[in-house]
């Protein structure tokens, strides 16, 4: 290169504004973290890492919360607590508590993103909201919560009892021998009928005998929530059964009844369905098909129709997710949900492989949707 060319190049370089060292450092650090970090960082948070002004960063934090976190947080609070209109102040207090915790997490992330990574802003918002609601429930309904803990201890620690997940992913309990025999899950009679056959415990030590009496009466395993409701009725614990036992922070909610007329409730359920669909698309084909083709409500009715009905996924998108033609899916539509043997035939698997695939899919969805609802 001759001297004239060098001078011209130098002149062009001098005309460009010098990058601010702090901003350049943040930009470089952000690119390296997004590219090389073993833990994925949510792309929504990239502008927060690039911003060196504390005031501007504060504005970004408020925007992130109001646009992306607030709908999730309020949805979790409504779903978990079912508070009435007269309890709006309590709902607002819980919301503010969740926001404060989320802000603290985001500030830690901004200062040390590699040490406090956030891979899913909406996910962590849901988890914090879920845990905050659980703490509120424990304070509001201590008697029922204490009973739940005692029952959990009995069926997991006392010889002869067991707690496990059935093939459908439901948490069930019963005599330990029933777990090996794979007996079908039974149903309890109404509380009044149960009271005529099972004597309520007079002391805490008699609670295990009551549990055994309930199992003997049903003659098969039952869902843990049913056991909790039965014991609550026998003991006169009247608090509302708002939350499930399935460990507070690990539960994945089932698709709710679509007859709920409240617009906010419908919006909340649509948010959950959207997130569920996004996660289903990420599953391996066998897991995805085993779940979708057997997707049903607690009543046993199929609910795959919720996706096209709410506009979350079209009929053709469902067919693509199942890796079959739209015509083939149309032929099966009125038969859904399918039994495992039929699904096995369609996928070229054994029935047990279908059960295992669905179980693996549920476990992944549990991790990915942790606390979302």
Protein backbone atom coordinates (compact mmCIF):
# COMPACT_ATOMS: atom_id res chain seq x y z
CA UNK A 1 0.00 0.00 0.00
CA UNK A 2 1.50 3.46 -0.95
CA UNK A 3 1.72 6.46 1.38
CA UNK A 4 -1.28 8.16 -0.21
CA UNK A 5 -3.48 5.13 0.33
CA UNK A 6 -2.28 4.78 3.90
CA UNK A 7 -3.06 8.44 4.58
CA UNK A 8 -6.53 8.07 3.08
CA UNK A 9 -7.26 4.99 5.17
CA UNK A 10 -6.03 6.71 8.30
CA UNK A 11 -8.21 9.71 7.51
CA UNK A 12 -11.29 7.47 7.13
CA UNK A 13 -10.55 5.77 10.43
CA UNK A 14 -10.22 9.14 12.21
CA UNK A 15 -13.60 10.23 10.86
CA UNK A 16 -15.35 7.36 12.67
CA UNK A 17 -16.39 8.19 16.28
CA UNK A 18 -14.44 6.31 18.92
CA UNK A 19 -16.40 3.66 20.72
CA UNK A 20 -16.95 4.22 24.44
CA UNK A 21 -14.72 1.70 26.27
CA UNK A 22 -17.45 0.60 28.72
CA UNK A 23 -20.07 0.18 26.00
CA UNK A 24 -17.61 -1.66 23.77
CA UNK A 25 -16.76 -3.99 26.66
CA UNK A 26 -20.43 -4.70 27.35
CA UNK A 27 -21.15 -5.31 23.69
CA UNK A 28 -18.22 -7.71 23.35
CA UNK A 29 -19.12 -9.49 26.61
CA UNK A 30 -22.74 -9.88 25.53
CA UNK A 31 -21.82 -11.35 22.15
CA UNK A 32 -19.43 -13.81 23.78
CA UNK A 33 -21.99 -14.85 26.40
CA UNK A 34 -24.76 -15.32 23.85
CA UNK A 35 -22.41 -17.33 21.66
CA UNK A 36 -20.31 -19.39 24.07
CA UNK A 37 -22.13 -19.68 27.40
CA UNK A 38 -23.12 -23.29 28.19
CA UNK A 39 -26.34 -21.85 29.63
CA UNK A 40 -28.62 -20.20 27.07
CA UNK A 41 -29.44 -16.56 27.79
CA UNK A 42 -32.87 -15.22 26.82
CA UNK A 43 -32.50 -12.98 23.76
CA UNK A 44 -35.03 -10.57 25.32
CA UNK A 45 -32.36 -9.63 27.87
CA UNK A 46 -29.59 -8.78 25.41
CA UNK A 47 -30.41 -5.03 25.30
CA UNK A 48 -30.14 -4.96 29.09
CA UNK A 49 -26.57 -6.22 28.90
CA UNK A 50 -25.64 -3.74 26.19
CA UNK A 51 -26.91 -0.71 28.12
CA UNK A 52 -24.27 1.02 30.29
CA UNK A 53 -26.55 3.77 31.64
CA UNK A 54 -28.21 2.79 34.92
CA UNK A 55 -31.15 5.09 34.21
CA UNK A 56 -31.73 3.61 30.77
CA UNK A 57 -31.25 0.10 32.17
CA UNK A 58 -33.96 0.85 34.73
CA UNK A 59 -36.33 1.85 31.93
CA UNK A 60 -35.53 -1.37 30.07
CA UNK A 61 -36.22 -3.41 33.21
CA UNK A 62 -39.63 -1.82 33.65
CA UNK A 63 -40.43 -2.43 29.99
CA UNK A 64 -39.37 -6.08 30.19
CA UNK A 65 -41.56 -6.62 33.24
CA UNK A 66 -44.64 -4.81 31.93
CA UNK A 67 -44.56 -6.39 28.46
CA UNK A 68 -43.22 -9.90 29.06
CA UNK A 69 -43.38 -10.75 32.77
CA UNK A 70 -46.56 -9.06 34.04
CA UNK A 71 -49.06 -11.14 31.99
CA UNK A 72 -47.40 -14.36 33.20
CA UNK A 73 -47.22 -13.27 36.82
CA UNK A 74 -50.85 -12.15 36.97
CA UNK A 75 -51.94 -15.31 35.17
CA UNK A 76 -50.22 -17.50 37.76
CA UNK A 77 -51.73 -15.51 40.64
CA UNK A 78 -55.23 -15.85 39.19
CA UNK A 79 -54.84 -19.56 38.50
CA UNK A 80 -53.22 -20.51 41.80
CA UNK A 81 -55.21 -18.38 44.22
CA UNK A 82 -58.61 -17.83 42.57
CA UNK A 83 -58.99 -14.66 44.65
CA UNK A 84 -62.34 -12.88 44.65
CA UNK A 85 -62.85 -9.27 43.63
CA UNK A 86 -62.88 -8.31 47.32
CA UNK A 87 -59.31 -9.62 47.65
CA UNK A 88 -57.83 -7.37 44.96
CA UNK A 89 -55.53 -5.69 47.48
CA UNK A 90 -54.03 -9.05 48.47
CA UNK A 91 -53.51 -9.96 44.80
CA UNK A 92 -51.77 -6.61 44.24
CA UNK A 93 -49.51 -7.20 47.26
CA UNK A 94 -48.54 -10.63 45.98
CA UNK A 95 -47.85 -9.19 42.51
CA UNK A 96 -45.58 -6.48 43.96
CA UNK A 97 -43.70 -9.08 46.00
CA UNK A 98 -43.10 -11.16 42.85
CA UNK A 99 -41.93 -8.10 40.89
CA UNK A 100 -39.45 -7.14 43.62
CA UNK A 101 -37.96 -10.65 43.58
CA UNK A 102 -37.81 -10.64 39.78
CA UNK A 103 -36.10 -7.24 39.74
CA UNK A 104 -33.49 -8.52 42.17
CA UNK A 105 -32.80 -11.51 39.88
CA UNK A 106 -32.55 -9.28 36.80
CA UNK A 107 -30.18 -6.88 38.53
CA UNK A 108 -27.94 -9.78 39.54
CA UNK A 109 -28.06 -10.99 35.95
CA UNK A 110 -27.05 -7.55 34.59
CA UNK A 111 -24.10 -7.27 36.97
CA UNK A 112 -22.87 -10.85 36.52
CA UNK A 113 -24.68 -12.53 33.60
CA UNK A 114 -22.44 -15.56 33.52
CA UNK A 115 -22.89 -16.13 37.25
CA UNK A 116 -26.64 -15.52 37.29
CA UNK A 117 -27.85 -16.48 33.79
CA UNK A 118 -31.53 -16.26 32.87
CA UNK A 119 -32.48 -18.53 29.99
CA UNK A 120 -36.20 -17.77 30.01
CA UNK A 121 -37.55 -14.48 31.38
CA UNK A 122 -41.18 -15.58 31.30
CA UNK A 123 -40.24 -18.93 32.81
CA UNK A 124 -38.42 -17.44 35.79
CA UNK A 125 -41.29 -14.98 36.26
CA UNK A 126 -43.71 -17.92 36.49
CA UNK A 127 -41.49 -19.82 38.92
CA UNK A 128 -41.14 -16.84 41.27
CA UNK A 129 -44.89 -16.18 41.10
CA UNK A 130 -45.68 -19.83 41.75
CA UNK A 131 -43.42 -19.99 44.81
CA UNK A 132 -44.77 -16.71 46.17
CA UNK A 133 -48.34 -17.97 45.81
CA UNK A 134 -47.41 -21.24 47.53
CA UNK A 135 -46.01 -19.33 50.50
CA UNK A 136 -49.21 -17.27 50.66
CA UNK A 137 -51.33 -20.42 50.63
CA UNK A 138 -49.30 -21.94 53.44
CA UNK A 139 -49.89 -18.81 55.54
CA UNK A 140 -53.60 -18.65 54.71
CA UNK A 141 -54.40 -22.35 55.05
CA UNK A 142 -51.92 -23.73 57.60
CA UNK A 143 -54.17 -26.58 58.78
CA UNK A 144 -54.69 -28.04 55.32
CA UNK A 145 -51.02 -27.56 54.43
CA UNK A 146 -49.95 -29.30 57.63
CA UNK A 147 -52.32 -32.19 56.87
CA UNK A 148 -50.92 -32.47 53.36
CA UNK A 149 -47.40 -32.72 54.74
CA UNK A 150 -48.42 -35.37 57.29
CA UNK A 151 -50.11 -37.47 54.60
CA UNK A 152 -47.12 -37.12 52.31
CA UNK A 153 -44.82 -38.27 55.11
CA UNK A 154 -47.04 -41.29 55.87
CA UNK A 155 -47.32 -42.58 52.29
CA UNK A 156 -43.63 -42.01 51.50
CA UNK A 157 -41.97 -43.02 54.77
CA UNK A 158 -44.21 -45.54 56.50
CA UNK A 159 -43.74 -49.18 55.62
CA UNK A 160 -46.52 -50.64 53.50
CA UNK A 161 -47.52 -47.41 51.74
CA UNK A 162 -46.21 -45.86 48.53
CA UNK A 163 -46.56 -42.75 46.36
CA UNK A 164 -45.91 -42.96 42.60
CA UNK A 165 -46.90 -41.72 39.16
CA UNK A 166 -49.26 -43.83 37.09
CA UNK A 167 -48.92 -44.33 33.32
CA UNK A 168 -50.85 -41.13 32.74
CA UNK A 169 -48.48 -39.08 34.88
CA UNK A 170 -50.92 -38.64 37.79
CA UNK A 171 -49.56 -38.76 41.34
CA UNK A 172 -51.27 -41.69 43.04
CA UNK A 173 -50.94 -43.44 46.37
CA UNK A 174 -51.91 -46.73 47.97
CA UNK A 175 -50.43 -49.87 49.46
CA UNK A 176 -46.90 -50.52 48.22
CA UNK A 177 -47.92 -53.87 46.74
CA UNK A 178 -50.37 -52.11 44.42
CA UNK A 179 -47.54 -50.19 42.78
CA UNK A 180 -45.96 -53.43 41.56
CA UNK A 181 -49.31 -54.88 40.51
CA UNK A 182 -50.09 -51.78 38.41
CA UNK A 183 -53.71 -51.67 39.56
CA UNK A 184 -55.93 -49.03 37.92
CA UNK A 185 -56.55 -45.81 39.82
CA UNK A 186 -59.79 -45.91 41.80
CA UNK A 187 -62.31 -43.26 42.75
CA UNK A 188 -63.44 -42.34 46.24
CA UNK A 189 -67.15 -42.15 47.07
CA UNK A 190 -68.55 -38.79 48.16
CA UNK A 191 -67.50 -37.60 51.59
CA UNK A 192 -70.76 -38.49 53.32
CA UNK A 193 -70.64 -42.07 52.03
CA UNK A 194 -66.98 -42.41 53.01
CA UNK A 195 -67.71 -41.25 56.55
CA UNK A 196 -70.05 -44.21 57.07
CA UNK A 197 -67.23 -46.67 56.33
CA UNK A 198 -64.08 -44.95 57.63
CA UNK A 199 -63.68 -43.72 61.20
CA UNK A 200 -61.99 -40.29 61.48
CA UNK A 201 -58.71 -40.31 63.42
CA UNK A 202 -58.83 -39.03 66.98
CA UNK A 203 -55.09 -38.47 67.24
CA UNK A 204 -52.22 -37.80 64.87
CA UNK A 205 -50.97 -41.35 65.41
CA UNK A 206 -54.27 -42.77 64.14
CA UNK A 207 -53.99 -40.92 60.82
CA UNK A 208 -52.00 -43.79 59.26
CA UNK A 209 -54.77 -46.21 60.27
CA UNK A 210 -57.31 -43.93 58.61
CA UNK A 211 -55.23 -43.84 55.43
CA UNK A 212 -55.13 -47.65 55.41
CA UNK A 213 -58.89 -47.79 55.97
CA UNK A 214 -59.47 -45.49 53.00
CA UNK A 215 -57.26 -47.69 50.79
CA UNK A 216 -59.06 -50.83 51.95
CA UNK A 217 -62.42 -49.24 51.21
CA UNK A 218 -61.44 -48.24 47.66
CA UNK A 219 -59.47 -51.47 47.06
CA UNK A 220 -57.04 -49.77 44.74
CA UNK A 221 -54.71 -46.77 44.44
CA UNK A 222 -56.18 -43.26 44.39
CA UNK A 223 -54.87 -39.84 43.40
CA UNK A 224 -53.09 -38.14 46.27
CA UNK A 225 -55.31 -35.09 45.96
CA UNK A 226 -58.33 -37.36 46.51
CA UNK A 227 -56.73 -38.76 49.66
CA UNK A 228 -56.09 -35.21 50.89
CA UNK A 229 -59.70 -34.21 50.23
CA UNK A 230 -61.02 -37.32 51.99
CA UNK A 231 -58.82 -36.83 55.05
CA UNK A 232 -59.72 -33.13 55.17
CA UNK A 233 -63.42 -34.01 55.16
CA UNK A 234 -63.05 -36.64 57.89
CA UNK A 235 -61.06 -34.24 60.07
CA UNK A 236 -63.28 -31.24 59.38
CA UNK A 237 -60.55 -29.23 57.64
CA UNK A 238 -62.68 -26.93 55.52
CA UNK A 239 -60.16 -24.83 53.60
CA UNK A 240 -60.60 -24.76 49.85
CA UNK A 241 -58.49 -27.37 47.97
CA UNK A 242 -56.77 -24.75 45.83
CA UNK A 243 -53.44 -26.41 45.06
CA UNK A 244 -52.30 -29.91 44.19
CA UNK A 245 -49.77 -31.86 46.19
CA UNK A 246 -47.38 -32.56 43.28
CA UNK A 247 -44.41 -30.84 44.81
CA UNK A 248 -45.14 -27.14 44.91
CA UNK A 249 -42.57 -26.04 42.33
CA UNK A 250 -42.62 -29.04 40.03
CA UNK A 251 -46.22 -29.40 38.99
CA UNK A 252 -47.45 -28.99 35.43
CA UNK A 253 -51.12 -28.11 35.23
CA UNK A 254 -53.46 -30.04 33.00
CA UNK A 255 -55.49 -28.22 30.35
CA UNK A 256 -58.44 -26.58 32.08
CA UNK A 257 -62.11 -26.79 31.24
CA UNK A 258 -63.00 -24.56 28.29
CA UNK A 259 -66.41 -23.59 29.65
CA UNK A 260 -64.99 -20.92 31.98
CA UNK A 261 -66.79 -17.70 31.00
CA UNK A 262 -64.41 -15.15 32.52
CA UNK A 263 -62.45 -13.34 29.71
CA UNK A 264 -59.29 -12.96 31.81
CA UNK A 265 -59.41 -16.67 32.65
CA UNK A 266 -59.79 -17.56 28.95
CA UNK A 267 -56.80 -15.36 28.12
CA UNK A 268 -54.76 -17.02 30.84
CA UNK A 269 -55.56 -20.50 29.52
CA UNK A 270 -54.70 -19.42 26.00
CA UNK A 271 -51.29 -18.24 27.24
CA UNK A 272 -50.69 -21.66 28.75
CA UNK A 273 -51.81 -23.47 25.58
CA UNK A 274 -49.49 -21.30 23.48
CA UNK A 275 -46.52 -22.10 25.69
CA UNK A 276 -47.49 -25.79 25.80
CA UNK A 277 -47.64 -25.95 22.00
CA UNK A 278 -44.22 -24.30 21.67
CA UNK A 279 -42.71 -26.87 24.00
CA UNK A 280 -44.51 -29.80 22.35
CA UNK A 281 -42.96 -28.82 19.02
CA UNK A 282 -39.50 -29.18 20.56
CA UNK A 283 -40.06 -32.77 21.70
CA UNK A 284 -38.80 -35.79 19.72
CA UNK A 285 -41.43 -37.14 17.35
CA UNK A 286 -42.39 -40.23 19.39
CA UNK A 287 -42.80 -38.22 22.59
CA UNK A 288 -44.77 -35.55 20.78
CA UNK A 289 -47.10 -38.07 19.12
CA UNK A 290 -47.57 -40.14 22.30
CA UNK A 291 -48.73 -37.01 24.13
CA UNK A 292 -50.85 -35.37 21.42
CA UNK A 293 -52.69 -38.51 20.35
CA UNK A 294 -53.59 -39.30 23.98
CA UNK A 295 -54.13 -35.72 25.19
CA UNK A 296 -57.21 -35.63 27.39
CA UNK A 297 -58.88 -33.82 30.25
CA UNK A 298 -59.36 -35.29 33.71
CA UNK A 299 -62.80 -36.48 32.58
CA UNK A 300 -61.16 -38.57 29.84
CA UNK A 301 -62.47 -36.42 26.98
CA UNK A 302 -59.97 -35.52 24.25
CA UNK A 303 -58.68 -31.96 24.25
CA UNK A 304 -56.35 -31.82 21.24
CA UNK A 305 -59.15 -29.79 19.62
CA UNK A 306 -58.25 -26.87 21.92
CA UNK A 307 -55.26 -26.01 19.75
CA UNK A 308 -57.18 -25.29 16.53
CA UNK A 309 -60.20 -23.98 18.48
CA UNK A 310 -58.08 -21.27 20.12
CA UNK A 311 -56.00 -20.53 17.03
CA UNK A 312 -52.80 -21.80 18.64
CA UNK A 313 -52.19 -24.37 15.89
CA UNK A 314 -54.07 -25.19 12.70
CA UNK A 315 -55.25 -28.66 11.80
CA UNK A 316 -52.43 -28.92 9.25
CA UNK A 317 -49.86 -27.84 11.85
CA UNK A 318 -51.09 -30.60 14.13
CA UNK A 319 -50.70 -33.10 11.29
CA UNK A 320 -47.17 -31.83 10.61
CA UNK A 321 -46.29 -32.14 14.31
CA UNK A 322 -47.47 -35.75 14.20
CA UNK A 323 -45.56 -36.28 10.93
CA UNK A 324 -48.63 -37.54 9.11
CA UNK A 325 -50.80 -36.19 6.32
CA UNK A 326 -53.81 -34.03 7.07
CA UNK A 327 -55.98 -36.70 5.47
CA UNK A 328 -54.63 -39.38 7.83
CA UNK A 329 -55.23 -37.19 10.87
CA UNK A 330 -58.77 -36.45 9.66
CA UNK A 331 -59.52 -40.17 9.63
CA UNK A 332 -58.40 -40.47 13.26
CA UNK A 333 -59.95 -37.23 14.50
CA UNK A 334 -63.22 -38.61 15.84
CA UNK A 335 -61.39 -41.47 17.60
CA UNK A 336 -59.11 -39.19 19.65
CA UNK A 337 -57.80 -39.63 22.28
CA UNK A 338 -56.31 -42.94 21.12
CA UNK A 339 -55.45 -45.91 23.31
CA UNK A 340 -51.77 -46.77 23.65
CA UNK A 341 -52.12 -49.93 21.54
CA UNK A 342 -53.45 -47.89 18.61
CA UNK A 343 -50.72 -45.27 19.00
CA UNK A 344 -48.13 -48.05 19.06
CA UNK A 345 -49.51 -49.42 15.80
CA UNK A 346 -49.33 -46.00 14.13
CA UNK A 347 -45.78 -45.30 15.31
CA UNK A 348 -44.41 -48.78 14.78
CA UNK A 349 -43.62 -49.15 18.48
CA UNK A 350 -44.63 -51.45 21.29
CA UNK A 351 -47.27 -50.31 23.77
CA UNK A 352 -44.65 -50.03 26.50
CA UNK A 353 -42.46 -47.86 24.26
CA UNK A 354 -45.41 -45.51 23.77
CA UNK A 355 -45.93 -45.31 27.54
CA UNK A 356 -42.23 -44.64 28.07
CA UNK A 357 -42.16 -41.98 25.34
CA UNK A 358 -45.12 -40.17 26.87
CA UNK A 359 -43.57 -40.35 30.33
CA UNK A 360 -40.29 -38.87 29.02
CA UNK A 361 -42.23 -36.15 27.23
CA UNK A 362 -44.18 -35.28 30.37
CA UNK A 363 -40.98 -35.06 32.40
CA UNK A 364 -39.44 -32.66 29.89
CA UNK A 365 -42.61 -30.53 29.78
CA UNK A 366 -42.60 -30.46 33.58
CA UNK A 367 -39.08 -29.01 33.55
CA UNK A 368 -39.76 -26.57 30.72
CA UNK A 369 -43.12 -25.34 32.03
CA UNK A 370 -42.04 -25.37 35.65
CA UNK A 371 -44.28 -23.07 37.62
CA UNK A 372 -45.84 -21.55 34.51
CA UNK A 373 -49.33 -22.33 35.76
